């Protein structure tokens, strides 16, 4: 079962629905697999828990 993980900001439920639908549709289109095969996990990531280039996002301006 193909799995998509999205680590990002907390979203309203309508935005979550739209994001899951669009990820699933595009992944299905590109791979040729049916949409029903995909699982999408949305995980909020707070800025103080994410590092990019050795720096916390919370410390970047």
N, C-alpha and C. Protein backbone atom coordinates (compact mmCIF):
# COMPACT_ATOMS: atom_id res chain seq x y z
N UNK A 1 0.85 -1.17 0.00
CA UNK A 1 0.00 0.00 0.00
C UNK A 1 0.90 1.24 0.00
N UNK A 2 0.87 2.06 -1.05
CA UNK A 2 1.68 3.27 -1.10
C UNK A 2 1.25 4.24 0.00
N UNK A 3 2.23 4.87 0.62
CA UNK A 3 1.97 5.77 1.74
C UNK A 3 2.60 7.12 1.47
N UNK A 4 1.85 8.18 1.75
CA UNK A 4 2.34 9.55 1.62
C UNK A 4 2.30 10.18 3.01
N UNK A 5 3.44 10.71 3.46
CA UNK A 5 3.50 11.43 4.72
C UNK A 5 3.69 12.91 4.42
N UNK A 6 2.90 13.74 5.06
CA UNK A 6 3.04 15.18 4.92
C UNK A 6 3.23 15.77 6.30
N UNK A 7 4.37 16.36 6.52
CA UNK A 7 4.68 17.03 7.77
C UNK A 7 4.57 18.52 7.50
N UNK A 8 3.63 19.16 8.13
CA UNK A 8 3.42 20.58 7.87
C UNK A 8 2.63 21.23 8.98
N UNK A 9 2.14 22.42 8.70
CA UNK A 9 1.40 23.17 9.73
C UNK A 9 0.04 22.55 9.99
N UNK A 10 -0.53 22.89 11.12
CA UNK A 10 -1.89 22.47 11.43
C UNK A 10 -2.82 23.16 10.45
N UNK A 11 -3.78 22.41 9.93
CA UNK A 11 -4.71 22.94 8.94
C UNK A 11 -6.15 22.75 9.39
N UNK A 12 -7.03 23.57 8.85
CA UNK A 12 -8.46 23.39 9.07
C UNK A 12 -8.90 22.12 8.35
N UNK A 13 -9.99 21.51 8.79
CA UNK A 13 -10.44 20.23 8.24
C UNK A 13 -10.69 20.31 6.73
N UNK A 14 -11.22 21.40 6.23
CA UNK A 14 -11.48 21.52 4.79
C UNK A 14 -10.17 21.52 4.00
N UNK A 15 -9.14 22.16 4.52
CA UNK A 15 -7.83 22.17 3.86
C UNK A 15 -7.22 20.77 3.89
N UNK A 16 -7.43 20.05 4.99
CA UNK A 16 -6.93 18.67 5.08
C UNK A 16 -7.59 17.79 4.03
N UNK A 17 -8.90 17.94 3.86
CA UNK A 17 -9.62 17.16 2.86
C UNK A 17 -9.09 17.45 1.46
N UNK A 18 -8.90 18.73 1.17
CA UNK A 18 -8.39 19.14 -0.14
C UNK A 18 -6.98 18.61 -0.39
N UNK A 19 -6.13 18.68 0.62
CA UNK A 19 -4.75 18.22 0.50
C UNK A 19 -4.69 16.71 0.26
N UNK A 20 -5.44 15.95 1.04
CA UNK A 20 -5.46 14.49 0.88
C UNK A 20 -5.98 14.11 -0.50
N UNK A 21 -7.04 14.76 -0.94
CA UNK A 21 -7.61 14.46 -2.25
C UNK A 21 -6.61 14.76 -3.36
N UNK A 22 -5.97 15.92 -3.30
CA UNK A 22 -5.04 16.29 -4.38
C UNK A 22 -3.78 15.43 -4.37
N UNK A 23 -3.23 15.11 -3.19
CA UNK A 23 -2.07 14.20 -3.12
C UNK A 23 -2.42 12.85 -3.74
N UNK A 24 -3.59 12.34 -3.36
CA UNK A 24 -4.01 11.01 -3.82
C UNK A 24 -4.23 11.00 -5.33
N UNK A 25 -4.93 12.00 -5.84
CA UNK A 25 -5.19 12.06 -7.28
C UNK A 25 -3.90 12.15 -8.09
N UNK A 26 -2.99 13.00 -7.69
CA UNK A 26 -1.74 13.17 -8.44
C UNK A 26 -0.87 11.93 -8.35
N UNK A 27 -0.77 11.33 -7.18
CA UNK A 27 0.03 10.12 -7.03
C UNK A 27 -0.54 8.99 -7.88
N UNK A 28 -1.85 8.87 -7.92
CA UNK A 28 -2.50 7.85 -8.74
C UNK A 28 -2.23 8.11 -10.22
N UNK A 29 -2.36 9.35 -10.63
CA UNK A 29 -2.12 9.73 -12.02
C UNK A 29 -0.69 9.39 -12.45
N UNK A 30 0.27 9.70 -11.61
CA UNK A 30 1.67 9.51 -11.97
C UNK A 30 2.14 8.05 -11.89
N UNK A 31 1.54 7.28 -10.99
CA UNK A 31 1.99 5.89 -10.81
C UNK A 31 1.14 4.88 -11.56
N UNK A 32 -0.08 5.27 -11.90
CA UNK A 32 -0.99 4.33 -12.54
C UNK A 32 -1.69 3.40 -11.56
N UNK A 33 -1.47 3.62 -10.28
CA UNK A 33 -2.14 2.83 -9.25
C UNK A 33 -3.49 3.45 -8.93
N UNK A 34 -4.46 2.64 -8.50
CA UNK A 34 -5.77 3.21 -8.16
C UNK A 34 -5.70 4.08 -6.90
N UNK A 35 -6.54 5.09 -6.87
CA UNK A 35 -6.57 6.00 -5.71
C UNK A 35 -6.80 5.24 -4.41
N UNK A 36 -7.58 4.18 -4.46
CA UNK A 36 -7.90 3.41 -3.26
C UNK A 36 -6.68 2.76 -2.63
N UNK A 37 -5.59 2.67 -3.36
CA UNK A 37 -4.38 2.02 -2.85
C UNK A 37 -3.57 2.93 -1.93
N UNK A 38 -3.82 4.23 -1.97
CA UNK A 38 -2.97 5.19 -1.24
C UNK A 38 -3.46 5.49 0.16
N UNK A 39 -2.50 5.66 1.06
CA UNK A 39 -2.77 6.12 2.42
C UNK A 39 -1.99 7.42 2.60
N UNK A 40 -2.66 8.45 3.12
CA UNK A 40 -2.02 9.74 3.34
C UNK A 40 -2.09 10.05 4.83
N UNK A 41 -0.93 10.36 5.41
CA UNK A 41 -0.85 10.78 6.81
C UNK A 41 -0.47 12.25 6.85
N UNK A 42 -1.25 13.05 7.56
CA UNK A 42 -0.94 14.46 7.77
C UNK A 42 -0.48 14.63 9.20
N UNK A 43 0.68 15.23 9.34
CA UNK A 43 1.23 15.42 10.69
C UNK A 43 1.65 16.87 10.86
N UNK A 44 1.13 17.54 11.86
CA UNK A 44 1.59 18.91 12.08
C UNK A 44 3.02 18.92 12.61
N UNK A 45 3.77 19.88 12.18
CA UNK A 45 5.14 20.03 12.64
C UNK A 45 5.33 21.45 13.14
N UNK A 46 5.59 21.57 14.41
CA UNK A 46 5.81 22.89 14.96
C UNK A 46 7.22 23.36 14.61
N UNK A 47 7.38 24.65 14.45
CA UNK A 47 8.64 25.23 14.02
C UNK A 47 9.80 24.88 14.95
N UNK A 48 9.51 24.69 16.22
CA UNK A 48 10.60 24.36 17.15
C UNK A 48 10.97 22.89 17.13
N UNK A 49 10.27 22.10 16.33
CA UNK A 49 10.56 20.68 16.21
C UNK A 49 11.13 20.29 14.84
N UNK A 50 11.42 21.28 14.01
CA UNK A 50 11.93 21.02 12.67
C UNK A 50 13.23 21.77 12.46
N UNK A 51 14.24 21.06 11.99
CA UNK A 51 15.52 21.69 11.69
C UNK A 51 15.81 21.61 10.21
N UNK A 52 16.33 22.70 9.65
CA UNK A 52 16.73 22.75 8.26
C UNK A 52 18.13 23.33 8.21
N UNK A 53 19.05 22.62 7.60
CA UNK A 53 20.42 23.10 7.49
C UNK A 53 21.08 23.32 8.84
N UNK A 54 20.70 22.53 9.83
CA UNK A 54 21.32 22.62 11.15
C UNK A 54 20.73 23.70 12.04
N UNK A 55 19.64 24.33 11.61
CA UNK A 55 19.01 25.40 12.38
C UNK A 55 17.53 25.10 12.57
N UNK A 56 17.03 25.33 13.78
CA UNK A 56 15.60 25.18 14.01
C UNK A 56 14.84 26.22 13.21
N UNK A 57 13.71 25.82 12.65
CA UNK A 57 12.90 26.79 11.93
C UNK A 57 12.47 27.94 12.84
N UNK A 58 12.26 27.65 14.11
CA UNK A 58 11.89 28.68 15.06
C UNK A 58 12.96 29.76 15.20
N UNK A 59 14.21 29.42 14.90
CA UNK A 59 15.31 30.37 15.02
C UNK A 59 15.57 31.14 13.73
N UNK A 60 14.90 30.76 12.66
CA UNK A 60 15.10 31.46 11.38
C UNK A 60 14.12 32.60 11.26
N UNK A 61 14.55 33.65 10.63
CA UNK A 61 13.67 34.82 10.47
C UNK A 61 13.09 34.89 9.09
